[in-house]
Amino acid sequence: MSKKKEVTVEERLRALYDLQLIDARIDEIRNVRGELPLEVEDLEDEVAGLTKRMEKINTELEDINTDIKTKKENIEQSKALIKKYNEQQKNVRNNRAFESLNKEIEFQELEIQLSEKRIKETKAQIELKKETIVQTQERLDQRANHLKHKKEELDAIMAETQKEEELLQSKSEEFEKKIEDRLATSYRKIRASVRNGLAVVPVERGASAGSFFTIPPQIQLEIASRKKIITDEHSGRILVDKVLADEEKEKMEKLFGSF
């Protein structure tokens, strides 16, 4: 038979409560960080989005300026053609040729007017985009500065707690291996289902810790006997007697410090 099957109920309860003490301490460390990691992540996403928007607007501005340059070149070409057609009109010998050149001149004049109109409209777009750039840059600077402070705050907390958390996490995995898979799975499920993550709690003043429901004296005696694993009928938490809880807490404090 494997060692896990030879472990007594009391040893399982002690291992479970040790695991709970470690996991509760990990929870406390993570609670100190609170929403900071999510805030930093959200700010990073926002800064990345604003940066991308700035890049897009600047690219659009470059395209607009290229378009204006092209239209100005078209205007110069039209002017050159008008000058050329005017010179040709001086040498034509019939009205038909003269009128044909006249139509070409009128067409180029319309092309100039259209290009100038488009340039005027495009310059108005440039002004709007410049205003958007100023506003977006202000927002980007503000959020980037906020991100910097939040990251510094998170880094400071991480520097203080990360080493301890990593040690406790490895110990949590180590202690969980002392418990059979079925019981470890139940423990994790209970932890996930209760608000404060406490899946194993001691009986205090006749009730499970954190509960107002009294546990019958006979059940309290069974819990204290440590002959079987008993759960609170109201919360589903695994119950241990206070003496065991105090002993394990003292043992864990010697190993890891205050709990």
Protein backbone atom coordinates (compact mmCIF):
# COMPACT_ATOMS: atom_id res chain seq x y z
CA MET A 1 0.00 0.00 0.00
CA SER A 2 1.17 3.58 -0.66
CA LYS A 3 2.06 5.97 2.14
CA LYS A 4 -0.93 8.18 1.38
CA LYS A 5 -3.34 5.34 2.25
CA GLU A 6 -1.54 4.70 5.57
CA VAL A 7 -1.99 8.29 6.74
CA THR A 8 -4.42 8.62 9.67
CA VAL A 9 -7.43 10.94 9.62
CA GLU A 10 -5.74 13.17 12.20
CA GLU A 11 -2.65 13.46 10.01
CA ARG A 12 -4.86 14.37 7.06
CA LEU A 13 -6.63 17.02 9.11
CA ARG A 14 -3.32 18.48 10.25
CA ALA A 15 -1.99 18.50 6.68
CA LEU A 16 -5.22 20.13 5.47
CA TYR A 17 -5.08 22.82 8.14
CA ASP A 18 -1.38 23.47 7.43
CA LEU A 19 -2.25 23.82 3.74
CA GLN A 20 -5.07 26.20 4.63
CA LEU A 21 -2.76 28.36 6.77
CA ILE A 22 -0.27 28.62 3.91
CA ASP A 23 -2.92 29.37 1.29
CA ALA A 24 -4.55 31.96 3.56
CA ARG A 25 -1.19 33.71 3.91
CA ILE A 26 -0.77 33.69 0.11
CA ASP A 27 -4.26 35.21 -0.15
CA GLU A 28 -3.25 37.98 2.27
CA ILE A 29 -0.17 38.78 0.20
CA ARG A 30 -2.23 38.94 -2.98
CA ASN A 31 -4.85 41.08 -1.26
CA VAL A 32 -2.14 43.63 -0.45
CA ARG A 33 -1.59 43.97 -4.18
CA GLY A 34 -5.36 44.20 -4.57
CA GLU A 35 -6.45 45.43 -7.97
CA LEU A 36 -3.04 46.91 -8.81
CA PRO A 37 -2.01 44.22 -11.35
CA LEU A 38 -5.33 44.66 -13.19
CA GLU A 39 -5.03 48.46 -13.03
CA VAL A 40 -1.52 48.26 -14.50
CA GLU A 41 -2.71 45.90 -17.24
CA ASP A 42 -5.66 48.18 -18.11
CA LEU A 43 -3.39 51.24 -18.21
CA GLU A 44 -0.87 49.42 -20.41
CA ASP A 45 -3.69 48.53 -22.82
CA GLU A 46 -4.94 52.13 -22.81
CA VAL A 47 -1.45 53.56 -23.42
CA ALA A 48 -0.88 51.06 -26.24
CA GLY A 49 -4.23 52.03 -27.79
CA LEU A 50 -3.51 55.76 -27.57
CA THR A 51 -0.01 55.25 -29.02
CA LYS A 52 -1.48 53.30 -31.92
CA ARG A 53 -4.05 56.04 -32.47
CA MET A 54 -1.30 58.68 -32.55
CA GLU A 55 0.63 56.63 -35.11
CA LYS A 56 -2.49 56.27 -37.25
CA ILE A 57 -3.26 60.01 -37.18
CA ASN A 58 0.33 60.89 -38.04
CA THR A 59 0.25 58.45 -40.95
CA GLU A 60 -3.00 60.04 -42.14
CA LEU A 61 -1.36 63.47 -41.91
CA GLU A 62 1.56 62.28 -44.01
CA ASP A 63 -0.88 60.95 -46.62
CA ILE A 64 -2.80 64.24 -46.63
CA ASN A 65 0.38 66.28 -47.07
CA THR A 66 1.46 63.98 -49.90
CA ASP A 67 -1.96 64.46 -51.50
CA ILE A 68 -1.65 68.27 -51.20
CA LYS A 69 1.81 68.14 -52.75
CA THR A 70 0.42 66.06 -55.64
CA LYS A 71 -2.44 68.52 -56.20
CA LYS A 72 -0.03 71.47 -56.20
CA GLU A 73 2.08 69.68 -58.80
CA ASN A 74 -1.08 69.10 -60.84
CA ILE A 75 -1.88 72.83 -60.62
CA GLU A 76 1.60 73.71 -61.91
CA GLN A 77 1.21 71.21 -64.74
CA SER A 78 -2.18 72.70 -65.65
CA LYS A 79 -0.68 76.21 -65.64
CA ALA A 80 2.13 75.05 -67.90
CA LEU A 81 -0.40 73.49 -70.29
CA ILE A 82 -2.49 76.71 -70.30
CA LYS A 83 0.62 78.69 -71.18
CA LYS A 84 1.46 76.19 -73.89
CA TYR A 85 -2.08 76.30 -75.38
CA ASN A 86 -2.08 80.11 -75.30
CA GLU A 87 1.13 80.11 -77.31
CA GLN A 88 -0.31 77.60 -79.77
CA GLN A 89 -3.42 79.74 -80.27
CA LYS A 90 -1.22 82.51 -81.66
CA ASN A 91 -0.19 80.24 -84.53
CA VAL A 92 -3.46 78.53 -85.47
CA ARG A 93 -4.94 79.27 -88.91
CA ASN A 94 -8.61 78.41 -88.34
CA ASN A 95 -11.34 78.90 -85.75
CA ARG A 96 -11.83 75.19 -85.24
CA ALA A 97 -8.27 74.70 -83.99
CA PHE A 98 -8.53 77.88 -81.90
CA GLU A 99 -11.75 76.68 -80.22
CA SER A 100 -10.26 73.24 -79.58
CA LEU A 101 -7.33 74.85 -77.76
CA ASN A 102 -9.74 77.12 -75.92
CA LYS A 103 -11.62 74.09 -74.56
CA GLU A 104 -8.32 72.58 -73.41
CA ILE A 105 -7.51 75.83 -71.60
CA GLU A 106 -10.95 75.91 -69.94
CA PHE A 107 -10.54 72.28 -68.89
CA GLN A 108 -7.16 72.97 -67.27
CA GLU A 109 -8.60 76.05 -65.51
CA LEU A 110 -11.37 73.86 -64.07
CA GLU A 111 -8.74 71.32 -62.99
CA ILE A 112 -6.87 74.12 -61.18
CA GLN A 113 -10.07 75.29 -59.45
CA LEU A 114 -10.93 71.74 -58.41
CA SER A 115 -7.41 71.09 -57.04
CA GLU A 116 -7.44 74.39 -55.12
CA LYS A 117 -10.84 73.51 -53.63
CA ARG A 118 -9.58 70.07 -52.60
CA ILE A 119 -6.43 71.62 -51.07
CA LYS A 120 -8.56 74.04 -49.05
CA GLU A 121 -10.78 71.21 -47.79
CA THR A 122 -7.77 69.06 -46.99
CA LYS A 123 -6.08 71.86 -45.03
CA ALA A 124 -9.22 72.07 -42.86
CA GLN A 125 -8.85 68.33 -42.19
CA ILE A 126 -5.23 68.91 -41.19
CA GLU A 127 -6.27 71.47 -38.58
CA LEU A 128 -8.82 69.05 -37.12
CA LYS A 129 -6.28 66.25 -37.01
CA LYS A 130 -3.72 68.53 -35.35
CA GLU A 131 -6.27 69.33 -32.64
CA THR A 132 -6.92 65.60 -32.21
CA ILE A 133 -3.18 64.98 -31.95
CA VAL A 134 -2.82 67.58 -29.18
CA GLN A 135 -5.76 66.11 -27.23
CA THR A 136 -4.60 62.52 -27.75
CA GLN A 137 -1.03 63.38 -26.76
CA GLU A 138 -2.25 65.07 -23.56
CA ARG A 139 -4.31 61.98 -22.72
CA LEU A 140 -1.39 59.70 -23.59
CA ASP A 141 1.04 61.66 -21.40
CA GLN A 142 -1.44 61.62 -18.53
CA ARG A 143 -2.11 57.88 -18.74
CA ALA A 144 1.57 57.05 -19.27
CA ASN A 145 2.47 59.05 -16.16
CA HIS A 146 -0.30 57.33 -14.19
CA LEU A 147 0.96 53.95 -15.44
CA LYS A 148 4.51 54.80 -14.35
CA HIS A 149 3.38 55.53 -10.78
CA LYS A 150 1.15 52.44 -10.61
CA LYS A 151 3.97 50.22 -11.89
CA GLU A 152 6.35 51.69 -9.32
CA GLU A 153 3.76 51.02 -6.62
CA LEU A 154 3.26 47.44 -7.82
CA ASP A 155 7.00 46.82 -8.19
CA ALA A 156 7.58 48.02 -4.62
CA ILE A 157 4.92 45.65 -3.28
CA MET A 158 6.23 42.80 -5.43
CA ALA A 159 9.77 43.39 -4.17
CA GLU A 160 8.53 43.05 -0.60
CA THR A 161 6.26 40.04 -1.08
CA GLN A 162 7.26 38.06 -4.17
CA LYS A 163 10.01 36.02 -2.49
CA GLU A 164 7.70 35.10 0.40
CA GLU A 165 4.84 34.29 -1.97
CA GLU A 166 7.04 32.02 -4.12
CA LEU A 167 8.27 30.17 -1.01
CA LEU A 168 4.73 29.75 0.31
CA GLN A 169 3.44 28.66 -3.10
CA SER A 170 6.06 25.92 -3.30
CA LYS A 171 5.19 24.87 0.27
CA SER A 172 1.49 24.84 -0.63
CA GLU A 173 2.21 22.42 -3.47
CA GLU A 174 4.41 20.35 -1.15
CA PHE A 175 1.74 20.12 1.58
CA GLU A 176 -0.98 19.33 -0.96
CA LYS A 177 0.98 16.23 -2.02
CA LYS A 178 0.56 14.89 1.53
CA ILE A 179 -3.20 14.70 0.92
CA GLU A 180 -4.85 12.20 -1.42
CA ASP A 181 -6.10 13.65 -4.70
CA ARG A 182 -9.80 13.30 -3.86
CA LEU A 183 -9.45 15.25 -0.61
CA ALA A 184 -7.18 17.87 -2.21
CA THR A 185 -9.77 18.37 -4.99
CA SER A 186 -12.54 18.81 -2.41
CA TYR A 187 -10.40 21.32 -0.52
CA ARG A 188 -9.82 23.39 -3.67
CA LYS A 189 -13.51 23.30 -4.57
CA ILE A 190 -14.52 24.50 -1.10
CA ARG A 191 -11.91 27.26 -1.23
CA ALA A 192 -13.27 28.43 -4.56
CA SER A 193 -16.87 28.42 -3.32
CA VAL A 194 -16.45 30.41 -0.08
CA ARG A 195 -15.97 34.16 0.00
CA ASN A 196 -12.79 34.32 2.09
CA GLY A 197 -11.13 31.21 0.68
CA LEU A 198 -11.18 29.40 4.07
CA ALA A 199 -11.96 25.75 3.38
CA VAL A 200 -10.68 24.39 6.72
CA VAL A 201 -11.70 26.20 9.92
CA PRO A 202 -11.51 25.49 13.65
CA VAL A 203 -14.50 25.22 15.94
CA GLU A 204 -14.59 28.24 18.24
CA ARG A 205 -17.21 28.87 20.96
CA GLY A 206 -19.30 26.02 19.68
CA ALA A 207 -19.45 27.22 16.06
CA SER A 208 -17.24 27.00 12.99
CA ALA A 209 -14.98 30.06 12.67
CA GLY A 210 -16.77 32.85 10.90
CA SER A 211 -20.19 31.21 11.31
CA PHE A 212 -23.09 31.98 13.66
CA PHE A 213 -24.51 28.46 13.45
CA THR A 214 -23.94 26.39 16.59
CA ILE A 215 -22.51 22.90 16.13
CA PRO A 216 -24.24 20.25 18.27
CA PRO A 217 -22.11 18.99 21.21
CA GLN A 218 -22.05 15.43 19.84
CA ILE A 219 -20.59 16.67 16.52
CA GLN A 220 -18.06 18.76 18.43
CA LEU A 221 -16.92 15.61 20.25
CA GLU A 222 -16.56 13.78 16.94
CA ILE A 223 -14.49 16.67 15.53
CA ALA A 224 -12.25 16.63 18.61
CA SER A 225 -11.77 12.84 18.30
CA ARG A 226 -10.20 13.34 14.84
CA LYS A 227 -11.51 9.98 13.65
CA LYS A 228 -13.23 11.24 10.53
CA ILE A 229 -13.39 14.32 8.34
CA ILE A 230 -16.47 16.38 9.18
CA THR A 231 -17.84 19.34 7.23
CA ASP A 232 -20.04 22.20 8.37
CA GLU A 233 -23.56 21.51 7.12
CA HIS A 234 -24.16 25.24 6.52
CA SER A 235 -20.97 26.36 4.76
CA GLY A 236 -19.49 23.06 3.57
CA ARG A 237 -16.14 23.88 5.22
CA ILE A 238 -13.99 21.13 6.74
CA LEU A 239 -13.95 21.43 10.54
CA VAL A 240 -11.04 20.87 12.96
CA ASP A 241 -10.91 21.28 16.73
CA LYS A 242 -9.32 24.41 18.19
CA VAL A 243 -6.52 22.51 19.97
CA LEU A 244 -5.35 21.00 16.67
CA ALA A 245 -5.67 24.40 14.97
CA ASP A 246 -3.59 26.14 17.66
CA GLU A 247 -0.92 23.44 17.54
CA GLU A 248 -0.60 23.64 13.78
CA LYS A 249 -0.60 27.43 13.78
CA GLU A 250 2.23 27.47 16.33
CA LYS A 251 4.17 24.92 14.25
CA MET A 252 3.72 26.93 11.05
CA GLU A 253 4.75 30.17 12.76
CA LYS A 254 8.03 28.54 13.76
CA LEU A 255 8.58 27.56 10.13
CA PHE A 256 7.40 30.69 8.32
CA GLY A 257 6.89 33.47 10.85
CA SER A 258 3.61 35.13 11.81
CA PHE A 259 0.32 33.62 10.57
